[in-house]
């Protein structure tokens, strides 16, 4: 049977009474431990059953050990419960972000470059070639009038001489084919003009090489 606890004013080792502020027992020399609430009560209970008491630090350590053991037990039970209920598959999901709408490129406009066309101009006769009188009425410069008996060949030689001297648009016409001329002649002419004034001015220039040159109207 455990021994009764000593009075609160007595030594915990031998039970000898001591003063309120006394630190050591005068009988056994043990340090007097004053009451400190729960720890003191636990220490006193320890001493009732065991002769050796390690100190009050044993109780916080024991409490920490109990808390750790309780936590480990709860962890074991919770893990076992999870295994019993079946495995849990964790699937990682990825949030799909829609791609920005693509902007269609503006349609390209084909530019067609057309090379400018070159107008086809009537080709002028070579400088050494005689021309025919056109099919319209007009004015010209008469260089010479040769009788039909002289022959067309002589009239053309006269006309080629005019070309060689630098005159332009030289030709030979038969006077009988035109109402404005006296019939019976081959007429050597230079130039085709729309007005009499143009023909008159040209005759002044041509007279420097052909003194008998004069302006004349040619009508059918």
N, C-alpha and C. Protein backbone atom coordinates (compact mmCIF):
# COMPACT_ATOMS: atom_id res chain seq x y z
N UNK A 1 0.85 -1.19 0.00
CA UNK A 1 0.00 0.00 0.00
C UNK A 1 0.88 1.22 0.00
N UNK A 2 0.56 2.24 -0.80
CA UNK A 2 1.40 3.44 -0.94
C UNK A 2 1.32 4.26 0.32
N UNK A 3 2.51 4.91 0.62
CA UNK A 3 2.59 5.77 1.81
C UNK A 3 1.82 7.03 1.55
N UNK A 4 1.22 7.63 2.60
CA UNK A 4 0.47 8.90 2.44
C UNK A 4 1.41 10.02 2.09
N UNK A 5 0.87 11.03 1.33
CA UNK A 5 1.67 12.20 0.95
C UNK A 5 2.00 13.01 2.17
N UNK A 6 3.21 13.57 2.21
CA UNK A 6 3.57 14.46 3.33
C UNK A 6 2.77 15.73 3.26
N UNK A 7 2.63 16.43 4.34
CA UNK A 7 1.92 17.71 4.33
C UNK A 7 2.58 18.66 3.37
N UNK A 8 1.80 19.70 2.96
CA UNK A 8 2.34 20.65 1.99
C UNK A 8 3.52 21.39 2.54
N UNK A 9 3.67 21.56 3.90
CA UNK A 9 4.80 22.27 4.48
C UNK A 9 5.90 21.33 4.94
N UNK A 10 5.91 20.11 4.40
CA UNK A 10 6.90 19.13 4.83
C UNK A 10 7.78 18.76 3.65
N UNK A 11 8.94 18.17 3.91
CA UNK A 11 9.87 17.72 2.88
C UNK A 11 9.26 16.55 2.16
N UNK A 12 9.37 16.54 0.83
CA UNK A 12 8.79 15.46 0.05
C UNK A 12 9.59 14.17 0.19
N UNK A 13 10.82 14.29 0.67
CA UNK A 13 11.66 13.08 0.79
C UNK A 13 11.51 12.38 2.15
N UNK A 14 11.57 13.19 3.22
CA UNK A 14 11.52 12.56 4.56
C UNK A 14 10.32 12.96 5.38
N UNK A 15 9.58 13.95 4.96
CA UNK A 15 8.39 14.38 5.67
C UNK A 15 8.65 15.34 6.79
N UNK A 16 9.87 15.84 6.98
CA UNK A 16 10.19 16.79 8.04
C UNK A 16 9.60 18.14 7.69
N UNK A 17 8.88 18.78 8.63
CA UNK A 17 8.31 20.11 8.36
C UNK A 17 9.41 21.13 8.06
N UNK A 18 9.07 22.18 7.23
CA UNK A 18 10.06 23.22 6.91
C UNK A 18 9.35 24.55 6.87
N UNK A 19 10.13 25.59 6.83
CA UNK A 19 9.60 26.95 6.79
C UNK A 19 9.09 27.26 5.37
N UNK A 20 8.21 28.28 5.27
CA UNK A 20 7.64 28.57 3.95
C UNK A 20 8.69 28.93 2.88
N UNK A 21 9.77 29.63 3.26
CA UNK A 21 10.75 30.05 2.27
C UNK A 21 12.03 29.22 2.37
N UNK A 22 11.98 28.07 2.99
CA UNK A 22 13.16 27.22 3.16
C UNK A 22 13.39 26.43 1.88
N UNK A 23 14.70 26.33 1.42
CA UNK A 23 15.03 25.68 0.16
C UNK A 23 15.48 24.23 0.35
N UNK A 24 16.10 23.90 1.42
CA UNK A 24 16.60 22.54 1.65
C UNK A 24 16.09 22.02 2.99
N UNK A 25 15.91 20.69 3.02
CA UNK A 25 15.44 20.04 4.26
C UNK A 25 16.59 19.99 5.27
N UNK A 26 16.32 20.44 6.50
CA UNK A 26 17.37 20.45 7.52
C UNK A 26 17.67 19.06 8.07
N UNK A 27 16.78 18.11 7.77
CA UNK A 27 16.96 16.77 8.30
C UNK A 27 17.72 15.88 7.31
N UNK A 28 17.19 15.81 6.01
CA UNK A 28 17.83 14.92 5.03
C UNK A 28 18.66 15.66 4.00
N UNK A 29 18.55 16.99 3.98
CA UNK A 29 19.32 17.79 3.02
C UNK A 29 18.77 17.82 1.61
N UNK A 30 17.59 17.20 1.36
CA UNK A 30 17.00 17.24 0.01
C UNK A 30 16.43 18.61 -0.30
N UNK A 31 16.41 18.96 -1.61
CA UNK A 31 15.86 20.24 -2.01
C UNK A 31 14.35 20.19 -1.88
N UNK A 32 13.83 21.23 -1.30
CA UNK A 32 12.40 21.30 -1.07
C UNK A 32 11.71 21.78 -2.37
N UNK A 33 10.83 20.96 -2.89
CA UNK A 33 10.08 21.30 -4.11
C UNK A 33 8.72 21.77 -3.69
N UNK A 34 8.43 23.05 -4.02
CA UNK A 34 7.15 23.62 -3.65
C UNK A 34 6.08 23.24 -4.69
N UNK A 35 4.90 23.32 -4.27
CA UNK A 35 3.78 22.91 -5.12
C UNK A 35 3.70 23.77 -6.38
N UNK A 36 3.61 23.08 -7.57
CA UNK A 36 3.50 23.80 -8.86
C UNK A 36 2.31 23.26 -9.67
N UNK A 37 1.21 23.03 -9.01
CA UNK A 37 -0.02 22.68 -9.71
C UNK A 37 -0.01 21.24 -10.18
N UNK A 38 -0.32 21.03 -11.46
CA UNK A 38 -0.50 19.70 -12.03
C UNK A 38 0.81 18.93 -12.01
N UNK A 39 1.92 19.60 -12.38
CA UNK A 39 3.22 18.89 -12.41
C UNK A 39 3.60 18.41 -11.00
N UNK A 40 3.31 19.23 -10.01
CA UNK A 40 3.63 18.82 -8.63
C UNK A 40 2.81 17.62 -8.23
N UNK A 41 1.51 17.62 -8.62
CA UNK A 41 0.66 16.49 -8.27
C UNK A 41 1.12 15.22 -8.95
N UNK A 42 1.53 15.34 -10.25
CA UNK A 42 2.02 14.17 -10.97
C UNK A 42 3.32 13.67 -10.36
N UNK A 43 4.20 14.61 -9.95
CA UNK A 43 5.47 14.20 -9.32
C UNK A 43 5.23 13.47 -8.00
N UNK A 44 4.28 13.97 -7.25
CA UNK A 44 3.97 13.32 -5.96
C UNK A 44 3.43 11.92 -6.17
N UNK A 45 2.59 11.74 -7.20
CA UNK A 45 2.05 10.40 -7.48
C UNK A 45 3.15 9.45 -7.91
N UNK A 46 4.11 10.01 -8.74
CA UNK A 46 5.26 9.18 -9.14
C UNK A 46 6.01 8.69 -7.93
N UNK A 47 6.27 9.58 -6.98
CA UNK A 47 7.09 9.23 -5.83
C UNK A 47 6.38 8.21 -4.92
N UNK A 48 5.08 8.21 -4.95
CA UNK A 48 4.36 7.24 -4.12
C UNK A 48 4.58 5.81 -4.60
N UNK A 49 4.86 5.64 -5.91
CA UNK A 49 5.00 4.30 -6.46
C UNK A 49 6.44 3.92 -6.73
N UNK A 50 7.30 4.90 -7.05
CA UNK A 50 8.69 4.60 -7.39
C UNK A 50 9.61 5.44 -6.51
N UNK A 51 10.74 4.86 -6.09
CA UNK A 51 11.65 5.62 -5.23
C UNK A 51 12.43 6.69 -5.99
N UNK A 52 12.55 6.56 -7.33
CA UNK A 52 13.37 7.53 -8.11
C UNK A 52 12.46 8.37 -8.99
N UNK A 53 12.65 9.70 -8.94
CA UNK A 53 11.85 10.65 -9.74
C UNK A 53 12.80 11.46 -10.63
N UNK A 54 12.71 11.36 -11.97
CA UNK A 54 13.69 12.03 -12.85
C UNK A 54 13.55 13.55 -12.85
N UNK A 55 12.40 14.09 -12.52
CA UNK A 55 12.18 15.54 -12.56
C UNK A 55 10.90 15.88 -13.32
N UNK A 56 10.51 17.14 -13.25
CA UNK A 56 9.25 17.55 -13.89
C UNK A 56 9.33 17.55 -15.42
N UNK A 57 10.53 17.55 -16.00
CA UNK A 57 10.64 17.58 -17.48
C UNK A 57 10.05 16.34 -18.13
N UNK A 58 9.89 15.26 -17.31
CA UNK A 58 9.40 14.01 -17.87
C UNK A 58 7.98 14.13 -18.40
N UNK A 59 7.18 15.06 -17.78
CA UNK A 59 5.76 15.14 -18.16
C UNK A 59 5.53 15.83 -19.52
N UNK A 60 6.19 16.96 -19.80
CA UNK A 60 6.04 17.50 -21.17
C UNK A 60 6.53 16.53 -22.24
N UNK A 61 7.64 15.82 -21.93
CA UNK A 61 8.17 14.86 -22.92
C UNK A 61 7.19 13.73 -23.15
N UNK A 62 6.62 13.23 -22.04
CA UNK A 62 5.64 12.15 -22.19
C UNK A 62 4.41 12.61 -22.96
N UNK A 63 4.00 13.87 -22.74
CA UNK A 63 2.83 14.40 -23.47
C UNK A 63 3.11 14.48 -24.96
N UNK A 64 4.32 14.94 -25.28
CA UNK A 64 4.69 15.03 -26.70
C UNK A 64 4.73 13.66 -27.34
N UNK A 65 5.24 12.66 -26.59
CA UNK A 65 5.30 11.31 -27.13
C UNK A 65 3.90 10.75 -27.37
N UNK A 66 2.99 11.03 -26.45
CA UNK A 66 1.61 10.56 -26.61
C UNK A 66 0.95 11.19 -27.83
N UNK A 67 1.18 12.50 -28.01
CA UNK A 67 0.58 13.20 -29.17
C UNK A 67 1.12 12.63 -30.48
N UNK A 68 2.46 12.35 -30.52
CA UNK A 68 3.06 11.79 -31.72
C UNK A 68 2.49 10.41 -32.03
N UNK A 69 2.33 9.59 -30.99
CA UNK A 69 1.79 8.25 -31.20
C UNK A 69 0.35 8.31 -31.70
N UNK A 70 -0.42 9.26 -31.16
CA UNK A 70 -1.81 9.40 -31.61
C UNK A 70 -1.88 9.82 -33.07
N UNK A 71 -0.99 10.74 -33.44
CA UNK A 71 -0.97 11.18 -34.84
C UNK A 71 -0.60 10.05 -35.78
N UNK A 72 0.40 9.25 -35.41
CA UNK A 72 0.79 8.12 -36.26
C UNK A 72 -0.34 7.12 -36.40
N UNK A 73 -1.07 6.88 -35.28
CA UNK A 73 -2.18 5.93 -35.34
C UNK A 73 -3.28 6.41 -36.29
N UNK A 74 -3.60 7.71 -36.19
CA UNK A 74 -4.64 8.27 -37.07
C UNK A 74 -4.21 8.18 -38.54
N UNK A 75 -2.92 8.42 -38.79
CA UNK A 75 -2.43 8.36 -40.18
C UNK A 75 -2.54 6.96 -40.73
N UNK A 76 -2.22 5.94 -39.89
CA UNK A 76 -2.29 4.55 -40.34
C UNK A 76 -3.73 4.18 -40.66
N UNK A 77 -4.67 4.60 -39.78
CA UNK A 77 -6.08 4.27 -40.02
C UNK A 77 -6.62 4.95 -41.27
N UNK A 78 -6.24 6.21 -41.46
CA UNK A 78 -6.74 6.94 -42.64
C UNK A 78 -6.18 6.35 -43.92
N UNK A 79 -4.90 5.92 -43.91
CA UNK A 79 -4.31 5.29 -45.10
C UNK A 79 -4.97 3.96 -45.40
N UNK A 80 -5.19 3.18 -44.36
CA UNK A 80 -5.84 1.88 -44.57
C UNK A 80 -7.24 2.04 -45.10
N UNK A 81 -7.97 3.05 -44.64
CA UNK A 81 -9.33 3.28 -45.14
C UNK A 81 -9.33 3.66 -46.60
N UNK A 82 -8.33 4.44 -47.01
CA UNK A 82 -8.27 4.84 -48.42
C UNK A 82 -8.00 3.65 -49.31
N UNK A 83 -7.11 2.71 -48.83
CA UNK A 83 -6.82 1.52 -49.64
C UNK A 83 -8.03 0.63 -49.74
N UNK A 84 -8.80 0.53 -48.67
CA UNK A 84 -9.97 -0.36 -48.70
C UNK A 84 -11.05 0.14 -49.62
N UNK A 85 -11.15 1.43 -49.83
CA UNK A 85 -12.22 1.97 -50.66
C UNK A 85 -11.89 1.96 -52.13
N UNK A 86 -10.71 1.45 -52.49
CA UNK A 86 -10.34 1.39 -53.91
C UNK A 86 -9.37 2.50 -54.27
N UNK A 87 -8.63 2.27 -55.34
CA UNK A 87 -7.63 3.26 -55.77
C UNK A 87 -8.31 4.44 -56.42
N UNK A 88 -7.71 5.59 -56.26
CA UNK A 88 -8.24 6.85 -56.81
C UNK A 88 -7.29 7.30 -57.90
N UNK A 89 -7.81 7.48 -59.07
CA UNK A 89 -7.00 7.94 -60.21
C UNK A 89 -7.13 9.45 -60.33
N UNK A 90 -6.00 10.10 -60.33
CA UNK A 90 -5.97 11.56 -60.44
C UNK A 90 -5.61 11.88 -61.88
N UNK A 91 -6.49 12.57 -62.54
CA UNK A 91 -6.27 12.93 -63.95
C UNK A 91 -6.00 14.41 -64.02
N UNK A 92 -4.84 14.73 -64.60
CA UNK A 92 -4.51 16.15 -64.77
C UNK A 92 -5.21 16.68 -66.00
N UNK A 93 -5.88 17.76 -65.83
CA UNK A 93 -6.60 18.38 -66.96
C UNK A 93 -5.88 19.63 -67.39
N UNK A 94 -5.94 19.89 -68.65
CA UNK A 94 -5.31 21.07 -69.23
C UNK A 94 -6.38 21.93 -69.86
N UNK A 95 -6.41 23.17 -69.49
CA UNK A 95 -7.40 24.10 -70.05
C UNK A 95 -6.97 24.49 -71.46
N UNK A 96 -7.84 24.21 -72.42
CA UNK A 96 -7.52 24.55 -73.80
C UNK A 96 -7.87 26.00 -74.06
N UNK A 97 -6.90 26.72 -74.55
CA UNK A 97 -7.11 28.13 -74.89
C UNK A 97 -7.35 28.22 -76.38
N UNK A 98 -8.50 28.71 -76.82
CA UNK A 98 -8.75 28.79 -78.27
C UNK A 98 -7.76 29.71 -78.95
N UNK A 99 -7.30 29.29 -80.11
CA UNK A 99 -6.36 30.09 -80.87
C UNK A 99 -7.07 31.32 -81.41
N UNK A 100 -6.35 32.42 -81.51
CA UNK A 100 -6.99 33.64 -82.05
C UNK A 100 -7.39 33.44 -83.50
N UNK A 101 -8.51 34.01 -83.91
CA UNK A 101 -8.95 33.83 -85.30
C UNK A 101 -7.94 34.39 -86.27
N UNK A 102 -7.74 33.64 -87.31
CA UNK A 102 -6.80 34.09 -88.33
C UNK A 102 -7.46 35.11 -89.24
N UNK A 103 -6.73 36.11 -89.57
CA UNK A 103 -7.24 37.16 -90.44
C UNK A 103 -6.82 36.86 -91.87
N UNK A 104 -7.81 36.71 -92.71
CA UNK A 104 -7.50 36.40 -94.11
C UNK A 104 -6.81 37.57 -94.76
N UNK A 105 -5.80 37.27 -95.57
CA UNK A 105 -5.08 38.32 -96.28
C UNK A 105 -5.99 38.95 -97.32
N UNK A 106 -5.92 40.26 -97.48
CA UNK A 106 -6.77 40.92 -98.49
C UNK A 106 -6.44 40.39 -99.88
N UNK A 107 -7.47 40.23 -100.70
CA UNK A 107 -7.21 39.72 -102.05
C UNK A 107 -6.32 40.66 -102.83
N UNK A 108 -5.40 40.09 -103.54
CA UNK A 108 -4.48 40.89 -104.34
C UNK A 108 -5.12 41.23 -105.67
N UNK A 109 -4.91 42.42 -106.08
CA UNK A 109 -5.46 42.91 -107.34
C UNK A 109 -4.37 42.88 -108.39
N UNK A 110 -4.61 42.11 -109.40
CA UNK A 110 -3.61 42.02 -110.47
C UNK A 110 -3.65 43.30 -111.29
N UNK A 111 -2.49 43.84 -111.52
CA UNK A 111 -2.36 45.06 -112.30
C UNK A 111 -1.76 44.69 -113.65
N UNK A 112 -2.49 44.92 -114.66
CA UNK A 112 -2.03 44.61 -116.01
C UNK A 112 -1.54 45.88 -116.68
N UNK A 113 -0.31 45.86 -117.07
CA UNK A 113 0.29 47.02 -117.73
C UNK A 113 0.35 46.72 -119.22
N UNK A 114 -0.34 47.52 -119.95
CA UNK A 114 -0.38 47.34 -121.40
C UNK A 114 0.55 48.33 -122.05
N UNK A 115 1.43 47.81 -122.83
CA UNK A 115 2.37 48.69 -123.52
C UNK A 115 1.61 49.56 -124.53
N UNK A 116 1.94 50.83 -124.57
CA UNK A 116 1.24 51.70 -125.53
C UNK A 116 1.48 51.24 -126.95
N UNK A 117 0.40 51.26 -127.71
CA UNK A 117 0.51 50.86 -129.11
C UNK A 117 1.04 52.02 -129.94
N UNK A 118 1.84 51.65 -130.86
CA UNK A 118 2.41 52.66 -131.75
C UNK A 118 1.57 52.75 -133.01
N UNK A 119 1.08 53.95 -133.25
CA UNK A 119 0.25 54.14 -134.43
C UNK A 119 1.07 53.89 -135.69
N UNK A 120 0.45 53.19 -136.59
CA UNK A 120 1.13 52.90 -137.86
C UNK A 120 0.92 54.07 -138.81
N UNK A 121 2.00 54.72 -139.12
CA UNK A 121 1.95 55.87 -140.02
C UNK A 121 2.20 55.40 -141.45
N UNK A 122 1.57 56.08 -142.38
CA UNK A 122 1.83 55.70 -143.78
C UNK A 122 3.29 55.91 -144.14
N UNK A 123 3.82 54.90 -144.76
CA UNK A 123 5.24 54.97 -145.12
C UNK A 123 5.42 55.92 -146.30
N UNK A 124 6.37 56.80 -146.14
CA UNK A 124 6.66 57.75 -147.21
C UNK A 124 7.48 57.04 -148.29
N UNK A 125 7.28 57.42 -149.52
CA UNK A 125 8.05 56.79 -150.60
C UNK A 125 9.52 57.13 -150.47
N UNK A 126 10.37 56.26 -150.94
CA UNK A 126 11.81 56.56 -150.91
C UNK A 126 12.10 57.88 -151.61
N UNK A 127 13.16 58.57 -151.22
CA UNK A 127 13.43 59.88 -151.82
C UNK A 127 13.66 59.84 -153.32
N UNK A 128 14.10 58.70 -153.84
CA UNK A 128 14.41 58.63 -155.29
C UNK A 128 13.27 58.02 -156.10
N UNK A 129 12.07 57.92 -155.48
CA UNK A 129 10.94 57.32 -156.18
C UNK A 129 9.87 58.38 -156.46
N UNK A 130 9.34 58.36 -157.65
CA UNK A 130 8.30 59.30 -158.02
C UNK A 130 6.97 58.88 -157.43
N UNK A 131 6.07 59.85 -157.19
CA UNK A 131 4.77 59.57 -156.61
C UNK A 131 3.69 59.79 -157.67
N UNK A 132 2.53 59.22 -157.41
CA UNK A 132 1.36 59.45 -158.24
C UNK A 132 0.50 60.52 -157.58
N UNK A 133 -0.23 61.25 -158.43
CA UNK A 133 -1.13 62.25 -157.86
C UNK A 133 -2.27 61.51 -157.14
N UNK A 134 -2.61 61.96 -155.91
CA UNK A 134 -3.68 61.28 -155.16
C UNK A 134 -5.03 61.48 -155.83
N UNK A 135 -6.03 60.72 -155.40
CA UNK A 135 -7.34 60.76 -156.05
C UNK A 135 -8.20 61.92 -155.60
N UNK A 136 -7.66 62.99 -155.06
CA UNK A 136 -8.44 64.14 -154.62
C UNK A 136 -7.93 65.41 -155.32
N UNK A 137 -8.75 66.44 -155.25
CA UNK A 137 -8.32 67.73 -155.79
C UNK A 137 -7.38 68.42 -154.82
N UNK A 138 -6.53 69.29 -155.36
CA UNK A 138 -5.58 69.99 -154.51
C UNK A 138 -4.78 70.99 -155.31
N UNK A 139 -3.64 71.36 -154.75
CA UNK A 139 -2.77 72.36 -155.37
C UNK A 139 -1.35 71.78 -155.37
N UNK A 140 -0.53 72.20 -156.39
CA UNK A 140 0.84 71.72 -156.52
C UNK A 140 1.70 72.81 -157.16
N UNK A 141 2.97 72.47 -157.30
CA UNK A 141 3.92 73.36 -157.99
C UNK A 141 4.31 72.66 -159.28
N UNK A 142 4.02 73.28 -160.40
CA UNK A 142 4.38 72.72 -161.70
C UNK A 142 5.81 73.12 -162.01
N UNK A 143 6.66 72.09 -162.20
CA UNK A 143 8.07 72.35 -162.51
C UNK A 143 8.32 72.44 -164.02
N UNK A 144 7.63 71.60 -164.79
CA UNK A 144 7.82 71.60 -166.25
C UNK A 144 6.62 70.93 -166.93
N UNK A 145 6.33 71.32 -168.16
CA UNK A 145 5.27 70.72 -168.95
C UNK A 145 5.89 70.26 -170.29
N UNK A 146 5.91 68.98 -170.52
CA UNK A 146 6.53 68.40 -171.72
C UNK A 146 5.42 67.86 -172.64
N UNK A 147 5.51 68.16 -173.96
CA UNK A 147 4.50 67.65 -174.89
C UNK A 147 4.46 66.12 -174.89
N UNK A 148 3.29 65.61 -175.21
CA UNK A 148 3.11 64.16 -175.20
C UNK A 148 4.10 63.51 -176.18
N UNK A 149 4.43 64.21 -177.29
CA UNK A 149 5.34 63.64 -178.27
C UNK A 149 6.74 63.43 -177.72
N UNK A 150 7.12 64.17 -176.72
CA UNK A 150 8.46 64.01 -176.13
C UNK A 150 8.60 62.64 -175.47
N UNK A 151 7.50 62.18 -174.93
CA UNK A 151 7.49 60.84 -174.33
C UNK A 151 7.49 60.87 -172.79
N UNK A 152 6.91 59.85 -172.23
CA UNK A 152 6.81 59.72 -170.75
C UNK A 152 8.19 59.52 -170.14
N UNK A 153 9.07 58.86 -170.90
CA UNK A 153 10.41 58.60 -170.35
C UNK A 153 11.16 59.88 -170.09
N UNK A 154 11.07 60.83 -171.00
CA UNK A 154 11.76 62.11 -170.83
C UNK A 154 11.16 62.87 -169.65
N UNK A 155 9.85 62.79 -169.46
CA UNK A 155 9.20 63.47 -168.32
C UNK A 155 9.66 62.88 -166.99
N UNK A 156 9.81 61.57 -166.94
CA UNK A 156 10.27 60.94 -165.68
C UNK A 156 11.73 61.29 -165.38
N UNK A 157 12.55 61.39 -166.44
CA UNK A 157 13.95 61.77 -166.20
C UNK A 157 14.03 63.19 -165.63
N UNK A 158 13.12 64.06 -166.14
CA UNK A 158 13.07 65.42 -165.60
C UNK A 158 12.66 65.40 -164.12
N UNK A 159 11.70 64.58 -163.84
CA UNK A 159 11.22 64.49 -162.44
C UNK A 159 12.30 63.93 -161.52
N UNK A 160 13.07 62.89 -161.98
CA UNK A 160 14.14 62.34 -161.14
C UNK A 160 15.25 63.38 -160.92
N UNK A 161 15.44 64.22 -161.89
CA UNK A 161 16.42 65.29 -161.69
C UNK A 161 15.98 66.24 -160.58
N UNK A 162 14.65 66.50 -160.51
CA UNK A 162 14.13 67.35 -159.44
C UNK A 162 14.33 66.68 -158.07
N UNK A 163 14.14 65.37 -158.03
CA UNK A 163 14.38 64.64 -156.77
C UNK A 163 15.85 64.75 -156.36
N UNK A 164 16.72 64.60 -157.34
CA UNK A 164 18.15 64.65 -157.04
C UNK A 164 18.56 66.03 -156.54
N UNK A 165 17.84 67.07 -156.95
CA UNK A 165 18.19 68.42 -156.51
C UNK A 165 17.69 68.74 -155.10
N UNK A 166 16.90 67.82 -154.51
CA UNK A 166 16.44 68.03 -153.13
C UNK A 166 14.96 68.28 -152.98
N UNK A 167 14.21 68.35 -154.08
CA UNK A 167 12.77 68.54 -153.97
C UNK A 167 12.09 67.25 -153.50
N UNK A 168 10.91 67.39 -152.91
CA UNK A 168 10.18 66.25 -152.36
C UNK A 168 8.82 66.12 -153.04
N UNK A 169 8.28 64.90 -152.94
CA UNK A 169 6.95 64.59 -153.48
C UNK A 169 6.87 65.01 -154.96
N UNK A 170 7.79 64.48 -155.72
CA UNK A 170 7.85 64.80 -157.15
C UNK A 170 7.21 63.65 -157.94
N UNK A 171 6.41 64.00 -158.98
CA UNK A 171 5.77 62.99 -159.80
C UNK A 171 5.43 63.54 -161.19
N UNK A 172 4.81 62.69 -162.03
CA UNK A 172 4.42 63.05 -163.40
C UNK A 172 2.95 62.70 -163.57
N UNK A 173 2.18 63.64 -164.13
CA UNK A 173 0.76 63.35 -164.42
C UNK A 173 0.45 63.74 -165.86
N UNK A 174 -0.59 63.12 -166.40
CA UNK A 174 -1.01 63.39 -167.77
C UNK A 174 -2.08 64.47 -167.72
N UNK A 175 -1.86 65.58 -168.37
CA UNK A 175 -2.75 66.75 -168.25
C UNK A 175 -4.15 66.47 -168.75
N UNK A 176 -4.31 65.59 -169.70
CA UNK A 176 -5.64 65.32 -170.26
C UNK A 176 -6.55 64.68 -169.23
N UNK A 177 -6.01 64.16 -168.14
CA UNK A 177 -6.83 63.50 -167.11
C UNK A 177 -7.42 64.50 -166.12
N UNK A 178 -7.10 65.78 -166.24
CA UNK A 178 -7.54 66.78 -165.26
C UNK A 178 -8.11 67.98 -166.00
N UNK A 179 -9.24 68.45 -165.53
CA UNK A 179 -9.96 69.53 -166.22
C UNK A 179 -9.29 70.88 -166.08
N UNK A 180 -8.48 71.05 -165.07
CA UNK A 180 -7.84 72.34 -164.84
C UNK A 180 -6.58 72.52 -165.68
N UNK A 181 -6.15 71.52 -166.45
CA UNK A 181 -4.91 71.58 -167.23
C UNK A 181 -5.23 71.48 -168.74
N UNK A 182 -4.31 72.02 -169.50
CA UNK A 182 -4.46 71.89 -170.96
C UNK A 182 -4.04 70.48 -171.37
N UNK A 183 -4.81 69.81 -172.17
CA UNK A 183 -4.45 68.44 -172.59
C UNK A 183 -3.25 68.45 -173.54
N UNK A 184 -2.58 67.28 -173.65
CA UNK A 184 -1.46 67.11 -174.57
C UNK A 184 -0.11 67.26 -173.90
N UNK A 185 -0.05 67.20 -172.58
CA UNK A 185 1.24 67.41 -171.90
C UNK A 185 1.44 66.37 -170.78
N UNK A 186 2.74 66.13 -170.53
CA UNK A 186 3.16 65.44 -169.29
C UNK A 186 3.63 66.54 -168.33
N UNK A 187 3.01 66.62 -167.20
CA UNK A 187 3.30 67.68 -166.23
C UNK A 187 4.14 67.11 -165.09
N UNK A 188 5.29 67.72 -164.89
CA UNK A 188 6.17 67.35 -163.76
C UNK A 188 5.82 68.27 -162.58
N UNK A 189 5.40 67.69 -161.45
CA UNK A 189 4.94 68.50 -160.31
C UNK A 189 5.76 68.15 -159.06
N UNK A 190 5.64 69.03 -158.06
CA UNK A 190 6.32 68.82 -156.75
C UNK A 190 5.38 69.27 -155.64
N UNK A 191 5.00 68.30 -154.80
CA UNK A 191 4.18 68.61 -153.63
C UNK A 191 2.70 68.53 -153.89
N UNK A 192 1.94 68.21 -152.81
CA UNK A 192 0.49 68.17 -152.84
C UNK A 192 0.02 69.01 -151.66
N UNK A 193 -0.72 70.09 -151.95
CA UNK A 193 -1.10 71.05 -150.91
C UNK A 193 -2.61 71.21 -150.88
N UNK A 194 -3.13 71.61 -149.73
CA UNK A 194 -4.57 71.77 -149.56
C UNK A 194 -5.04 73.15 -149.96
N UNK A 195 -4.16 74.16 -149.92
CA UNK A 195 -4.56 75.54 -150.27
C UNK A 195 -3.59 76.10 -151.31
N UNK A 196 -4.09 77.11 -152.03
CA UNK A 196 -3.28 77.76 -153.04
C UNK A 196 -2.12 78.53 -152.43
N UNK A 197 -2.35 79.07 -151.24
CA UNK A 197 -1.29 79.85 -150.58
C UNK A 197 -0.09 78.95 -150.26
N UNK A 198 -0.36 77.74 -149.80
CA UNK A 198 0.73 76.81 -149.49
C UNK A 198 1.51 76.48 -150.76
N UNK A 199 0.77 76.26 -151.86
CA UNK A 199 1.45 75.96 -153.13
C UNK A 199 2.24 77.17 -153.63
N UNK A 200 1.74 78.38 -153.45
CA UNK A 200 2.44 79.58 -153.88
C UNK A 200 3.74 79.79 -153.12
N UNK A 201 3.70 79.56 -151.83
CA UNK A 201 4.92 79.70 -151.02
C UNK A 201 5.96 78.65 -151.41
N UNK A 202 5.50 77.42 -151.70
CA UNK A 202 6.43 76.37 -152.12
C UNK A 202 7.02 76.69 -153.49
N UNK A 203 6.22 77.30 -154.39
CA UNK A 203 6.73 77.66 -155.72
C UNK A 203 7.84 78.68 -155.63
N UNK A 204 7.79 79.61 -154.68
CA UNK A 204 8.84 80.60 -154.51
C UNK A 204 10.16 79.93 -154.13
N UNK A 205 10.07 78.87 -153.34
CA UNK A 205 11.29 78.16 -152.94
C UNK A 205 11.82 77.31 -154.11
N UNK A 206 10.90 76.61 -154.78
CA UNK A 206 11.34 75.73 -155.85
C UNK A 206 11.87 76.51 -157.05
N UNK A 207 11.46 77.76 -157.22
CA UNK A 207 11.91 78.56 -158.37
C UNK A 207 13.41 78.86 -158.31
N UNK A 208 14.01 78.68 -157.17
CA UNK A 208 15.46 78.90 -157.07
C UNK A 208 16.22 77.84 -157.88
N UNK A 209 15.63 76.65 -158.04
CA UNK A 209 16.25 75.59 -158.82
C UNK A 209 15.56 75.40 -160.17
N UNK A 210 14.27 75.73 -160.19
CA UNK A 210 13.49 75.64 -161.43
C UNK A 210 12.80 77.00 -161.63
N UNK A 211 13.44 77.90 -162.38
CA UNK A 211 12.90 79.26 -162.53
C UNK A 211 11.48 79.32 -163.08
N UNK A 212 11.08 78.32 -163.85
CA UNK A 212 9.74 78.35 -164.43
C UNK A 212 8.67 77.73 -163.53
N UNK A 213 8.99 77.42 -162.29
CA UNK A 213 8.03 76.79 -161.37
C UNK A 213 6.92 77.78 -161.03
N UNK A 214 5.68 77.26 -160.90
CA UNK A 214 4.55 78.11 -160.54
C UNK A 214 3.50 77.23 -159.84
N UNK A 215 2.61 77.93 -159.10
CA UNK A 215 1.56 77.21 -158.35
C UNK A 215 0.39 76.99 -159.28
N UNK A 216 -0.29 75.79 -159.12
CA UNK A 216 -1.39 75.46 -160.02
C UNK A 216 -2.38 74.55 -159.27
N UNK A 217 -3.70 74.77 -159.57
CA UNK A 217 -4.72 73.92 -159.01
C UNK A 217 -4.90 72.68 -159.88
N UNK A 218 -5.09 71.55 -159.21
CA UNK A 218 -5.29 70.29 -159.92
C UNK A 218 -6.67 69.78 -159.54
N UNK A 219 -7.57 69.72 -160.53
CA UNK A 219 -8.93 69.19 -160.30
C UNK A 219 -9.23 68.18 -161.40
N UNK A 220 -10.13 67.24 -161.05
CA UNK A 220 -10.48 66.23 -162.02
C UNK A 220 -11.54 66.74 -162.96
